[in-house]
């Protein structure tokens, strides 16, 4: 097992996807899927705010909240039918492009 960051996220994503349709009383992830996209999106927002707040605290708090945020974002991707490799491909397309130019291209 490697510690490559994208591989860690892909392994976690596989576990998350395996929870679709599981018993919501025995799996937090299954409970999120059962509650639907609105609740999943709310949780992503909540974790984003907690990550922002942690930025004013310690690096350990930022690390913990970032892990929570990434987990909930992966749940959102799974619910939306997005695979991690879709996001990696999008990031790769943007690699070497100015952030200003990339934002301008979206208009």
Protein backbone atom coordinates (compact mmCIF):
# COMPACT_ATOMS: atom_id res chain seq x y z
CA UNK A 1 0.00 0.00 0.00
CA UNK A 2 1.47 3.35 -1.00
CA UNK A 3 0.98 6.75 0.54
CA UNK A 4 0.65 8.59 -2.78
CA UNK A 5 -2.00 11.20 -2.02
CA UNK A 6 -4.14 10.50 -5.07
CA UNK A 7 -4.03 6.76 -4.33
CA UNK A 8 -5.11 7.35 -0.72
CA UNK A 9 -8.07 9.41 -1.96
CA UNK A 10 -8.92 6.80 -4.60
CA UNK A 11 -8.92 4.01 -1.98
CA UNK A 12 -11.14 6.11 0.28
CA UNK A 13 -13.42 6.85 -2.68
CA UNK A 14 -13.77 3.12 -3.37
CA UNK A 15 -14.83 2.55 0.25
CA UNK A 16 -17.28 5.45 0.02
CA UNK A 17 -18.82 4.07 -3.17
CA UNK A 18 -19.15 0.64 -1.55
CA UNK A 19 -21.40 2.22 1.09
CA UNK A 20 -24.07 3.22 -1.46
CA UNK A 21 -27.21 1.30 -0.56
CA UNK A 22 -25.73 0.03 2.72
CA UNK A 23 -27.64 0.14 5.99
CA UNK A 24 -27.80 3.79 7.07
CA UNK A 25 -27.98 2.77 10.72
CA UNK A 26 -24.57 1.09 10.55
CA UNK A 27 -22.64 3.44 8.24
CA UNK A 28 -22.30 7.22 8.43
CA UNK A 29 -21.47 7.28 4.71
CA UNK A 30 -24.59 5.25 3.87
CA UNK A 31 -26.60 7.67 6.03
CA UNK A 32 -25.26 10.61 4.01
CA UNK A 33 -26.21 8.90 0.73
CA UNK A 34 -29.64 8.14 2.18
CA UNK A 35 -30.14 11.82 3.08
CA UNK A 36 -29.28 12.93 -0.46
CA UNK A 37 -27.30 15.62 -2.24
CA UNK A 38 -28.70 18.58 -0.29
CA UNK A 39 -27.43 17.16 3.02
CA UNK A 40 -24.14 16.06 1.50
CA UNK A 41 -23.59 19.55 0.06
CA UNK A 42 -24.50 21.10 3.42
CA UNK A 43 -21.90 18.91 5.13
CA UNK A 44 -19.24 19.93 2.59
CA UNK A 45 -20.03 23.56 3.36
CA UNK A 46 -19.92 22.95 7.10
CA UNK A 47 -16.55 21.21 6.83
CA UNK A 48 -15.21 24.00 4.61
CA UNK A 49 -16.14 26.58 7.24
CA UNK A 50 -14.55 24.44 9.96
CA UNK A 51 -11.37 24.21 7.86
CA UNK A 52 -11.33 27.99 7.44
CA UNK A 53 -11.81 28.44 11.18
CA UNK A 54 -9.05 25.91 11.89
CA UNK A 55 -6.69 27.99 9.73
CA UNK A 56 -6.70 30.48 12.60
CA UNK A 57 -5.72 27.73 15.04
CA UNK A 58 -3.02 25.06 14.82
CA UNK A 59 -1.62 23.10 11.87
CA UNK A 60 -2.98 19.94 13.52
CA UNK A 61 -6.49 21.40 13.53
CA UNK A 62 -6.15 22.38 9.86
CA UNK A 63 -4.97 18.86 9.05
CA UNK A 64 -7.90 17.22 10.85
CA UNK A 65 -10.51 19.54 9.37
CA UNK A 66 -8.99 19.20 5.90
CA UNK A 67 -9.32 15.43 6.15
CA UNK A 68 -13.00 15.85 7.11
CA UNK A 69 -13.51 18.23 4.18
CA UNK A 70 -11.87 15.87 1.68
CA UNK A 71 -13.95 12.92 2.94
CA UNK A 72 -17.21 14.83 2.55
CA UNK A 73 -16.12 16.14 -0.87
CA UNK A 74 -15.49 12.55 -1.99
CA UNK A 75 -19.00 11.62 -0.81
CA UNK A 76 -20.36 14.52 -2.87
CA UNK A 77 -18.40 13.34 -5.93
CA UNK A 78 -19.75 9.81 -5.51
CA UNK A 79 -23.32 11.09 -5.22
CA UNK A 80 -22.83 13.26 -8.33
CA UNK A 81 -21.30 10.40 -10.34
CA UNK A 82 -17.87 12.04 -10.48
CA UNK A 83 -14.75 9.89 -10.16
CA UNK A 84 -11.48 11.17 -8.68
CA UNK A 85 -9.79 10.64 -12.05
CA UNK A 86 -12.29 13.11 -13.58
CA UNK A 87 -11.04 15.78 -11.18
CA UNK A 88 -7.39 14.81 -11.71
CA UNK A 89 -7.91 15.12 -15.49
CA UNK A 90 -9.46 18.57 -15.07
CA UNK A 91 -6.56 19.68 -12.89
CA UNK A 92 -4.10 18.27 -15.42
CA UNK A 93 -5.81 20.25 -18.21
CA UNK A 94 -5.30 23.41 -16.15
CA UNK A 95 -1.67 22.64 -15.28
CA UNK A 96 0.65 25.36 -16.53
CA UNK A 97 -2.24 27.75 -17.15
CA UNK A 98 -2.38 31.06 -15.33
CA UNK A 99 -5.19 31.08 -12.78
CA UNK A 100 -6.26 34.45 -14.17
CA UNK A 101 -6.37 33.11 -17.74
CA UNK A 102 -8.18 29.94 -16.64
CA UNK A 103 -10.90 31.92 -14.83
CA UNK A 104 -11.29 34.23 -17.85
CA UNK A 105 -11.81 31.20 -20.11
CA UNK A 106 -14.88 30.14 -18.08
CA UNK A 107 -16.89 33.26 -19.06
